[in-house]
Amino acid sequence: MPGKVIIQGVIASEVDALTSGCDALIGMDIITLGDFSITNHKGVTCMSFRLPSSHEIDYVKNLTYGITPIKHIPPGKPGSNFTPKKKKRR
């Protein structure tokens, strides 16, 4: 595994060609030993694994985990990316 992680006592099989361009297949027996995460920020999928587990990350319990707050600028004010529609005259 990347990072020179060696897990002893696991029976592994080598496959010449996995479907869909996959380079590896990791089973739940390995995933449950550490922390495994999949994100898809801006359409880029990132899979990350660390061993040993560091702490719990629960996106449901912590809805703002890893989110940088954005300052709210009212529409029509300088710095706002929203331009209000002009009212039609009658």
PDB file of N, CA and C in Angstrom:
ATOM      1  N   MET A   1       0.839  -1.189   0.000  1.00  0.00           N
ATOM      2  CA  MET A   1       0.000   0.000   0.000  1.00  0.00           C
ATOM      3  C   MET A   1       0.878   1.245   0.000  1.00  0.00           C
ATOM      4  N   PRO A   2       0.341   2.377  -0.480  1.00  0.00           N
ATOM      5  CA  PRO A   2       1.110   3.629  -0.444  1.00  0.00           C
ATOM      6  C   PRO A   2       1.524   3.980   0.985  1.00  0.00           C
ATOM      7  N   GLY A   3       2.587   4.716   1.120  1.00  0.00           N
ATOM      8  CA  GLY A   3       3.094   5.083   2.440  1.00  0.00           C
ATOM      9  C   GLY A   3       3.828   3.946   3.123  1.00  0.00           C
ATOM     10  N   LYS A   4       4.174   2.911   2.368  1.00  0.00           N
ATOM     11  CA  LYS A   4       4.916   1.750   2.865  1.00  0.00           C
ATOM     12  C   LYS A   4       4.203   1.051   4.018  1.00  0.00           C
ATOM     13  N   VAL A   5       2.850   1.032   3.961  1.00  0.00           N
ATOM     14  CA  VAL A   5       2.051   0.331   4.963  1.00  0.00           C
ATOM     15  C   VAL A   5       2.052  -1.149   4.618  1.00  0.00           C
ATOM     16  N   ILE A   6       2.379  -1.968   5.589  1.00  0.00           N
ATOM     17  CA  ILE A   6       2.374  -3.416   5.398  1.00  0.00           C
ATOM     18  C   ILE A   6       1.417  -4.010   6.422  1.00  0.00           C
ATOM     19  N   ILE A   7       0.488  -4.819   5.951  1.00  0.00           N
ATOM     20  CA  ILE A   7      -0.451  -5.484   6.842  1.00  0.00           C
ATOM     21  C   ILE A   7      -0.175  -6.978   6.730  1.00  0.00           C
ATOM     22  N   GLN A   8       0.320  -7.559   7.819  1.00  0.00           N
ATOM     23  CA  GLN A   8       0.705  -8.968   7.803  1.00  0.00           C
ATOM     24  C   GLN A   8      -0.491  -9.869   8.084  1.00  0.00           C
ATOM     25  N   GLY A   9      -0.425 -11.084   7.575  1.00  0.00           N
ATOM     26  CA  GLY A   9      -1.438 -12.089   7.849  1.00  0.00           C
ATOM     27  C   GLY A   9      -2.695 -11.953   7.000  1.00  0.00           C
ATOM     28  N   VAL A  10      -2.617 -11.202   5.899  1.00  0.00           N
ATOM     29  CA  VAL A  10      -3.775 -11.029   5.021  1.00  0.00           C
ATOM     30  C   VAL A  10      -3.500 -11.773   3.721  1.00  0.00           C
ATOM     31  N   ILE A  11      -4.438 -12.596   3.320  1.00  0.00           N
ATOM     32  CA  ILE A  11      -4.307 -13.296   2.044  1.00  0.00           C
ATOM     33  C   ILE A  11      -4.781 -12.352   0.952  1.00  0.00           C
ATOM     34  N   ALA A  12      -3.907 -12.103  -0.027  1.00  0.00           N
ATOM     35  CA  ALA A  12      -4.238 -11.175  -1.112  1.00  0.00           C
ATOM     36  C   ALA A  12      -4.073 -11.866  -2.448  1.00  0.00           C
ATOM     37  N   SER A  13      -4.851 -11.424  -3.414  1.00  0.00           N
ATOM     38  CA  SER A  13      -4.770 -11.951  -4.776  1.00  0.00           C
ATOM     39  C   SER A  13      -4.345 -10.844  -5.715  1.00  0.00           C
ATOM     40  N   GLU A  14      -3.587 -11.204  -6.734  1.00  0.00           N
ATOM     41  CA  GLU A  14      -3.175 -10.242  -7.741  1.00  0.00           C
ATOM     42  C   GLU A  14      -4.046 -10.425  -8.970  1.00  0.00           C
ATOM     43  N   VAL A  15      -4.531  -9.296  -9.511  1.00  0.00           N
ATOM     44  CA  VAL A  15      -5.373  -9.326 -10.701  1.00  0.00           C
ATOM     45  C   VAL A  15      -4.710  -8.441 -11.745  1.00  0.00           C
ATOM     46  N   ASP A  16      -4.471  -8.999 -12.943  1.00  0.00           N
ATOM     47  CA  ASP A  16      -3.785  -8.232 -13.985  1.00  0.00           C
ATOM     48  C   ASP A  16      -4.590  -7.033 -14.462  1.00  0.00           C
ATOM     49  N   ALA A  17      -5.879  -7.197 -14.636  1.00  0.00           N
ATOM     50  CA  ALA A  17      -6.682  -6.097 -15.174  1.00  0.00           C
ATOM     51  C   ALA A  17      -8.021  -6.022 -14.458  1.00  0.00           C
ATOM     52  N   LEU A  18      -8.162  -5.014 -13.613  1.00  0.00           N
ATOM     53  CA  LEU A  18      -9.450  -4.765 -12.977  1.00  0.00           C
ATOM     54  C   LEU A  18     -10.287  -3.902 -13.908  1.00  0.00           C
ATOM     55  N   THR A  19     -11.583  -4.013 -13.821  1.00  0.00           N
ATOM     56  CA  THR A  19     -12.461  -3.239 -14.706  1.00  0.00           C
ATOM     57  C   THR A  19     -12.499  -1.774 -14.306  1.00  0.00           C
ATOM     58  N   SER A  20     -12.926  -0.927 -15.213  1.00  0.00           N
ATOM     59  CA  SER A  20     -13.135   0.514 -14.994  1.00  0.00           C
ATOM     60  C   SER A  20     -11.856   1.277 -14.646  1.00  0.00           C
ATOM     61  N   GLY A  21     -10.712   0.761 -15.016  1.00  0.00           N
ATOM     62  CA  GLY A  21      -9.467   1.483 -14.779  1.00  0.00           C
ATOM     63  C   GLY A  21      -8.995   1.482 -13.334  1.00  0.00           C
ATOM     64  N   CYS A  22      -9.504   0.572 -12.516  1.00  0.00           N
ATOM     65  CA  CYS A  22      -9.081   0.499 -11.114  1.00  0.00           C
ATOM     66  C   CYS A  22      -7.675  -0.077 -11.025  1.00  0.00           C
ATOM     67  N   ASP A  23      -6.890   0.450 -10.105  1.00  0.00           N
ATOM     68  CA  ASP A  23      -5.533  -0.051  -9.885  1.00  0.00           C
ATOM     69  C   ASP A  23      -5.483  -1.053  -8.740  1.00  0.00           C
ATOM     70  N   ALA A  24      -6.472  -0.988  -7.840  1.00  0.00           N
ATOM     71  CA  ALA A  24      -6.453  -1.866  -6.675  1.00  0.00           C
ATOM     72  C   ALA A  24      -7.870  -2.074  -6.167  1.00  0.00           C
ATOM     73  N   LEU A  25      -8.039  -3.144  -5.444  1.00  0.00           N
ATOM     74  CA  LEU A  25      -9.302  -3.451  -4.797  1.00  0.00           C
ATOM     75  C   LEU A  25      -8.974  -3.740  -3.340  1.00  0.00           C
ATOM     76  N   ILE A  26      -9.542  -2.939  -2.443  1.00  0.00           N
ATOM     77  CA  ILE A  26      -9.250  -3.089  -1.016  1.00  0.00           C
ATOM     78  C   ILE A  26     -10.519  -3.554  -0.318  1.00  0.00           C
ATOM     79  N   GLY A  27     -10.421  -4.633   0.426  1.00  0.00           N
ATOM     80  CA  GLY A  27     -11.582  -5.203   1.105  1.00  0.00           C
ATOM     81  C   GLY A  27     -11.876  -4.537   2.433  1.00  0.00           C
ATOM     82  N   MET A  28     -13.081  -4.812   2.927  1.00  0.00           N
ATOM     83  CA  MET A  28     -13.499  -4.236   4.203  1.00  0.00           C
ATOM     84  C   MET A  28     -12.635  -4.713   5.362  1.00  0.00           C
ATOM     85  N   ASP A  29     -11.998  -5.881   5.234  1.00  0.00           N
ATOM     86  CA  ASP A  29     -11.119  -6.343   6.297  1.00  0.00           C
ATOM     87  C   ASP A  29      -9.951  -5.379   6.508  1.00  0.00           C
ATOM     88  N   ILE A  30      -9.507  -4.736   5.453  1.00  0.00           N
ATOM     89  CA  ILE A  30      -8.420  -3.748   5.547  1.00  0.00           C
ATOM     90  C   ILE A  30      -8.986  -2.368   5.889  1.00  0.00           C
ATOM     91  N   ILE A  31     -10.067  -1.961   5.216  1.00  0.00           N
ATOM     92  CA  ILE A  31     -10.653  -0.640   5.434  1.00  0.00           C
ATOM     93  C   ILE A  31     -11.040  -0.434   6.899  1.00  0.00           C
ATOM     94  N   THR A  32     -11.562  -1.478   7.549  1.00  0.00           N
ATOM     95  CA  THR A  32     -12.000  -1.332   8.939  1.00  0.00           C
ATOM     96  C   THR A  32     -10.842  -1.232   9.938  1.00  0.00           C
ATOM     97  N   LEU A  33      -9.615  -1.379   9.477  1.00  0.00           N
ATOM     98  CA  LEU A  33      -8.455  -1.221  10.368  1.00  0.00           C
ATOM     99  C   LEU A  33      -8.086   0.256  10.569  1.00  0.00           C
ATOM    100  N   GLY A  34      -8.569   1.126   9.689  1.00  0.00           N
ATOM    101  CA  GLY A  34      -8.183   2.543   9.771  1.00  0.00           C
ATOM    102  C   GLY A  34      -9.335   3.446   9.388  1.00  0.00           C
ATOM    103  N   ASP A  35      -9.007   4.604   8.854  1.00  0.00           N
ATOM    104  CA  ASP A  35      -9.993   5.585   8.395  1.00  0.00           C
ATOM    105  C   ASP A  35      -9.946   5.654   6.876  1.00  0.00           C
ATOM    106  N   PHE A  36     -11.087   5.502   6.231  1.00  0.00           N
ATOM    107  CA  PHE A  36     -11.191   5.547   4.781  1.00  0.00           C
ATOM    108  C   PHE A  36     -12.203   6.616   4.421  1.00  0.00           C
ATOM    109  N   SER A  37     -11.841   7.462   3.472  1.00  0.00           N
ATOM    110  CA  SER A  37     -12.699   8.580   3.096  1.00  0.00           C
ATOM    111  C   SER A  37     -12.747   8.715   1.586  1.00  0.00           C
ATOM    112  N   ILE A  38     -13.918   9.069   1.061  1.00  0.00           N
ATOM    113  CA  ILE A  38     -14.078   9.382  -0.358  1.00  0.00           C
ATOM    114  C   ILE A  38     -14.730  10.752  -0.444  1.00  0.00           C
ATOM    115  N   THR A  39     -14.109  11.677  -1.155  1.00  0.00           N
ATOM    116  CA  THR A  39     -14.693  12.994  -1.384  1.00  0.00           C
ATOM    117  C   THR A  39     -14.768  13.242  -2.879  1.00  0.00           C
ATOM    118  N   ASN A  40     -15.607  14.184  -3.266  1.00  0.00           N
ATOM    119  CA  ASN A  40     -15.776  14.507  -4.682  1.00  0.00           C
ATOM    120  C   ASN A  40     -15.898  16.019  -4.855  1.00  0.00           C
ATOM    121  N   HIS A  41     -14.914  16.750  -4.356  1.00  0.00           N
ATOM    122  CA  HIS A  41     -14.916  18.211  -4.398  1.00  0.00           C
ATOM    123  C   HIS A  41     -14.653  18.707  -5.817  1.00  0.00           C
ATOM    124  N   LYS A  42     -15.542  19.552  -6.316  1.00  0.00           N
ATOM    125  CA  LYS A  42     -15.441  20.140  -7.653  1.00  0.00           C
ATOM    126  C   LYS A  42     -15.292  19.069  -8.734  1.00  0.00           C
ATOM    127  N   GLY A  43     -15.952  17.932  -8.537  1.00  0.00           N
ATOM    128  CA  GLY A  43     -15.936  16.867  -9.534  1.00  0.00           C
ATOM    129  C   GLY A  43     -14.671  16.022  -9.551  1.00  0.00           C
ATOM    130  N   VAL A  44     -13.779  16.231  -8.579  1.00  0.00           N
ATOM    131  CA  VAL A  44     -12.548  15.439  -8.499  1.00  0.00           C
ATOM    132  C   VAL A  44     -12.690  14.463  -7.326  1.00  0.00           C
ATOM    133  N   THR A  45     -12.683  13.177  -7.644  1.00  0.00           N
ATOM    134  CA  THR A  45     -12.837  12.160  -6.608  1.00  0.00           C
ATOM    135  C   THR A  45     -11.488  11.871  -5.964  1.00  0.00           C
ATOM    136  N   CYS A  46     -11.483  11.899  -4.639  1.00  0.00           N
ATOM    137  CA  CYS A  46     -10.262  11.629  -3.875  1.00  0.00           C
ATOM    138  C   CYS A  46     -10.578  10.550  -2.842  1.00  0.00           C
ATOM    139  N   MET A  47      -9.772   9.486  -2.835  1.00  0.00           N
ATOM    140  CA  MET A  47      -9.901   8.443  -1.825  1.00  0.00           C
ATOM    141  C   MET A  47      -8.671   8.501  -0.933  1.00  0.00           C
ATOM    142  N   SER A  48      -8.895   8.446   0.363  1.00  0.00           N
ATOM    143  CA  SER A  48      -7.797   8.565   1.310  1.00  0.00           C
ATOM    144  C   SER A  48      -7.953   7.512   2.402  1.00  0.00           C
ATOM    145  N   PHE A  49      -6.823   6.963   2.844  1.00  0.00           N
ATOM    146  CA  PHE A  49      -6.824   5.934   3.884  1.00  0.00           C
ATOM    147  C   PHE A  49      -5.680   6.205   4.839  1.00  0.00           C
ATOM    148  N   ARG A  50      -5.969   6.104   6.131  1.00  0.00           N
ATOM    149  CA  ARG A  50      -4.898   6.239   7.127  1.00  0.00           C
ATOM    150  C   ARG A  50      -5.010   5.128   8.146  1.00  0.00           C
ATOM    151  N   LEU A  51      -3.864   4.731   8.651  1.00  0.00           N
ATOM    152  CA  LEU A  51      -3.774   3.647   9.608  1.00  0.00           C
ATOM    153  C   LEU A  51      -2.733   4.033  10.646  1.00  0.00           C
ATOM    154  N   PRO A  52      -3.009   4.034  11.905  1.00  0.00           N
ATOM    155  CA  PRO A  52      -4.264   3.661  12.539  1.00  0.00           C
ATOM    156  C   PRO A  52      -5.306   4.786  12.443  1.00  0.00           C
ATOM    157  N   SER A  53      -6.517   4.463  12.869  1.00  0.00           N
ATOM    158  CA  SER A  53      -7.587   5.449  12.897  1.00  0.00           C
ATOM    159  C   SER A  53      -7.198   6.584  13.839  1.00  0.00           C
ATOM    160  N   SER A  54      -7.517   7.801  13.461  1.00  0.00           N
ATOM    161  CA  SER A  54      -7.149   8.965  14.260  1.00  0.00           C
ATOM    162  C   SER A  54      -8.308   9.482  15.102  1.00  0.00           C
ATOM    163  N   HIS A  55      -9.440   9.697  14.470  1.00  0.00           N
ATOM    164  CA  HIS A  55     -10.638  10.155  15.173  1.00  0.00           C
ATOM    165  C   HIS A  55     -11.851   9.971  14.274  1.00  0.00           C
ATOM    166  N   GLU A  56     -13.035  10.077  14.868  1.00  0.00           N
ATOM    167  CA  GLU A  56     -14.261   9.908  14.099  1.00  0.00           C
ATOM    168  C   GLU A  56     -14.558  11.159  13.275  1.00  0.00           C
ATOM    169  N   ILE A  57     -14.923  10.951  12.023  1.00  0.00           N
ATOM    170  CA  ILE A  57     -15.406  12.026  11.171  1.00  0.00           C
ATOM    171  C   ILE A  57     -16.816  11.625  10.767  1.00  0.00           C
ATOM    172  N   ASP A  58     -17.802  12.370  11.233  1.00  0.00           N
ATOM    173  CA  ASP A  58     -19.194  12.077  10.908  1.00  0.00           C
ATOM    174  C   ASP A  58     -19.793  13.324  10.277  1.00  0.00           C
ATOM    175  N   TYR A  59     -19.976  13.304   8.957  1.00  0.00           N
ATOM    176  CA  TYR A  59     -20.474  14.471   8.241  1.00  0.00           C
ATOM    177  C   TYR A  59     -21.929  14.782   8.596  1.00  0.00           C
ATOM    178  N   VAL A  60     -22.669  13.800   9.095  1.00  0.00           N
ATOM    179  CA  VAL A  60     -24.058  14.045   9.483  1.00  0.00           C
ATOM    180  C   VAL A  60     -24.112  14.753  10.836  1.00  0.00           C
ATOM    181  N   LYS A  61     -23.325  14.266  11.800  1.00  0.00           N
ATOM    182  CA  LYS A  61     -23.293  14.906  13.121  1.00  0.00           C
ATOM    183  C   LYS A  61     -22.662  16.298  13.047  1.00  0.00           C
ATOM    184  N   ASN A  62     -21.682  16.473  12.181  1.00  0.00           N
ATOM    185  CA  ASN A  62     -20.941  17.727  12.062  1.00  0.00           C
ATOM    186  C   ASN A  62     -21.121  18.286  10.659  1.00  0.00           C
ATOM    187  N   LEU A  63     -22.279  18.870  10.404  1.00  0.00           N
ATOM    188  CA  LEU A  63     -22.617  19.325   9.054  1.00  0.00           C
ATOM    189  C   LEU A  63     -21.655  20.370   8.505  1.00  0.00           C
ATOM    190  N   THR A  64     -20.931  21.080   9.368  1.00  0.00           N
ATOM    191  CA  THR A  64     -20.009  22.118   8.887  1.00  0.00           C
ATOM    192  C   THR A  64     -18.551  21.677   8.945  1.00  0.00           C
ATOM    193  N   TYR A  65     -18.288  20.372   9.151  1.00  0.00           N
ATOM    194  CA  TYR A  65     -16.913  19.873   9.234  1.00  0.00           C
ATOM    195  C   TYR A  65     -16.149  20.184   7.955  1.00  0.00           C
ATOM    196  N   GLY A  66     -15.051  20.900   8.077  1.00  0.00           N
ATOM    197  CA  GLY A  66     -14.198  21.194   6.933  1.00  0.00           C
ATOM    198  C   GLY A  66     -14.700  22.293   6.018  1.00  0.00           C
ATOM    199  N   ILE A  67     -15.808  22.936   6.376  1.00  0.00           N
ATOM    200  CA  ILE A  67     -16.364  23.992   5.534  1.00  0.00           C
ATOM    201  C   ILE A  67     -15.903  25.345   6.052  1.00  0.00           C
ATOM    202  N   THR A  68     -15.348  26.140   5.161  1.00  0.00           N
ATOM    203  CA  THR A  68     -14.925  27.484   5.525  1.00  0.00           C
ATOM    204  C   THR A  68     -16.118  28.418   5.403  1.00  0.00           C
ATOM    205  N   PRO A  69     -16.461  29.139   6.479  1.00  0.00           N
ATOM    206  CA  PRO A  69     -17.600  30.053   6.392  1.00  0.00           C
ATOM    207  C   PRO A  69     -17.372  31.129   5.333  1.00  0.00           C
ATOM    208  N   ILE A  70     -18.442  31.468   4.626  1.00  0.00           N
ATOM    209  CA  ILE A  70     -18.388  32.505   3.602  1.00  0.00           C
ATOM    210  C   ILE A  70     -19.163  33.708   4.116  1.00  0.00           C
ATOM    211  N   LYS A  71     -18.554  34.871   4.050  1.00  0.00           N
ATOM    212  CA  LYS A  71     -19.204  36.094   4.510  1.00  0.00           C
ATOM    213  C   LYS A  71     -20.375  36.407   3.584  1.00  0.00           C
ATOM    214  N   HIS A  72     -21.537  36.626   4.183  1.00  0.00           N
ATOM    215  CA  HIS A  72     -22.725  36.948   3.397  1.00  0.00           C
ATOM    216  C   HIS A  72     -22.703  38.427   3.015  1.00  0.00           C
ATOM    217  N   ILE A  73     -22.826  38.682   1.729  1.00  0.00           N
ATOM    218  CA  ILE A  73     -22.914  40.051   1.224  1.00  0.00           C
ATOM    219  C   ILE A  73     -24.295  40.195   0.586  1.00  0.00           C
ATOM    220  N   PRO A  74     -25.123  41.106   1.095  1.00  0.00           N
ATOM    221  CA  PRO A  74     -26.473  41.254   0.541  1.00  0.00           C
ATOM    222  C   PRO A  74     -26.446  41.560  -0.953  1.00  0.00           C
ATOM    223  N   PRO A  75     -27.426  41.031  -1.711  1.00  0.00           N
ATOM    224  CA  PRO A  75     -27.497  41.296  -3.148  1.00  0.00           C
ATOM    225  C   PRO A  75     -27.492  42.786  -3.452  1.00  0.00           C
ATOM    226  N   GLY A  76     -26.751  43.180  -4.482  1.00  0.00           N
ATOM    227  CA  GLY A  76     -26.693  44.576  -4.900  1.00  0.00           C
ATOM    228  C   GLY A  76     -25.611  45.385  -4.210  1.00  0.00           C
ATOM    229  N   LYS A  77     -25.000  44.835  -3.159  1.00  0.00           N
ATOM    230  CA  LYS A  77     -23.926  45.538  -2.449  1.00  0.00           C
ATOM    231  C   LYS A  77     -22.590  45.246  -3.122  1.00  0.00           C
ATOM    232  N   PRO A  78     -21.611  46.156  -3.019  1.00  0.00           N
ATOM    233  CA  PRO A  78     -20.283  45.899  -3.611  1.00  0.00           C
ATOM    234  C   PRO A  78     -19.688  44.592  -3.074  1.00  0.00           C
ATOM    235  N   GLY A  79     -19.191  43.762  -3.972  1.00  0.00           N
ATOM    236  CA  GLY A  79     -18.608  42.480  -3.598  1.00  0.00           C
ATOM    237  C   GLY A  79     -19.566  41.318  -3.766  1.00  0.00           C
ATOM    238  N   SER A  80     -20.851  41.629  -3.977  1.00  0.00           N
ATOM    239  CA  SER A  80     -21.832  40.572  -4.188  1.00  0.00           C
ATOM    240  C   SER A  80     -21.719  40.060  -5.620  1.00  0.00           C
ATOM    241  N   ASN A  81     -21.894  38.757  -5.795  1.00  0.00           N
ATOM    242  CA  ASN A  81     -21.858  38.204  -7.149  1.00  0.00           C
ATOM    243  C   ASN A  81     -23.271  38.092  -7.727  1.00  0.00           C
ATOM    244  N   PHE A  82     -24.235  38.674  -7.042  1.00  0.00           N
ATOM    245  CA  PHE A  82     -25.620  38.652  -7.498  1.00  0.00           C
ATOM    246  C   PHE A  82     -26.042  40.062  -7.896  1.00  0.00           C
ATOM    247  N   THR A  83     -26.554  40.209  -9.093  1.00  0.00           N
ATOM    248  CA  THR A  83     -27.043  41.492  -9.565  1.00  0.00           C
ATOM    249  C   THR A  83     -28.561  41.415  -9.642  1.00  0.00           C
ATOM    250  N   PRO A  84     -29.255  42.249  -8.856  1.00  0.00           N
ATOM    251  CA  PRO A  84     -30.721  42.177  -8.901  1.00  0.00           C
ATOM    252  C   PRO A  84     -31.265  42.617 -10.259  1.00  0.00           C
ATOM    253  N   LYS A  85     -32.373  41.993 -10.646  1.00  0.00           N
ATOM    254  CA  LYS A  85     -33.008  42.364 -11.912  1.00  0.00           C
ATOM    255  C   LYS A  85     -33.621  43.758 -11.793  1.00  0.00           C
ATOM    256  N   LYS A  86     -33.549  44.496 -12.879  1.00  0.00           N
ATOM    257  CA  LYS A  86     -34.155  45.835 -12.886  1.00  0.00           C
ATOM    258  C   LYS A  86     -35.656  45.669 -12.969  1.00  0.00           C
ATOM    259  N   LYS A  87     -36.366  46.531 -12.234  1.00  0.00           N
ATOM    260  CA  LYS A  87     -37.824  46.494 -12.254  1.00  0.00           C
ATOM    261  C   LYS A  87     -38.329  47.102 -13.540  1.00  0.00           C
ATOM    262  N   LYS A  88     -39.359  46.493 -14.084  1.00  0.00           N
ATOM    263  CA  LYS A  88     -39.967  47.016 -15.302  1.00  0.00           C
ATOM    264  C   LYS A  88     -40.886  48.176 -14.957  1.00  0.00           C
ATOM    265  N   ARG A  89     -40.825  49.198 -15.787  1.00  0.00           N
ATOM    266  CA  ARG A  89     -41.734  50.326 -15.608  1.00  0.00           C
ATOM    267  C   ARG A  89     -43.067  50.005 -16.248  1.00  0.00           C
ATOM    268  N   ARG A  90     -44.134  50.487 -15.637  1.00  0.00           N
ATOM    269  CA  ARG A  90     -45.464  50.275 -16.186  1.00  0.00           C
ATOM    270  C   ARG A  90     -46.023  51.549 -16.735  1.00  0.00           C
TER     271      ARG A  90
END
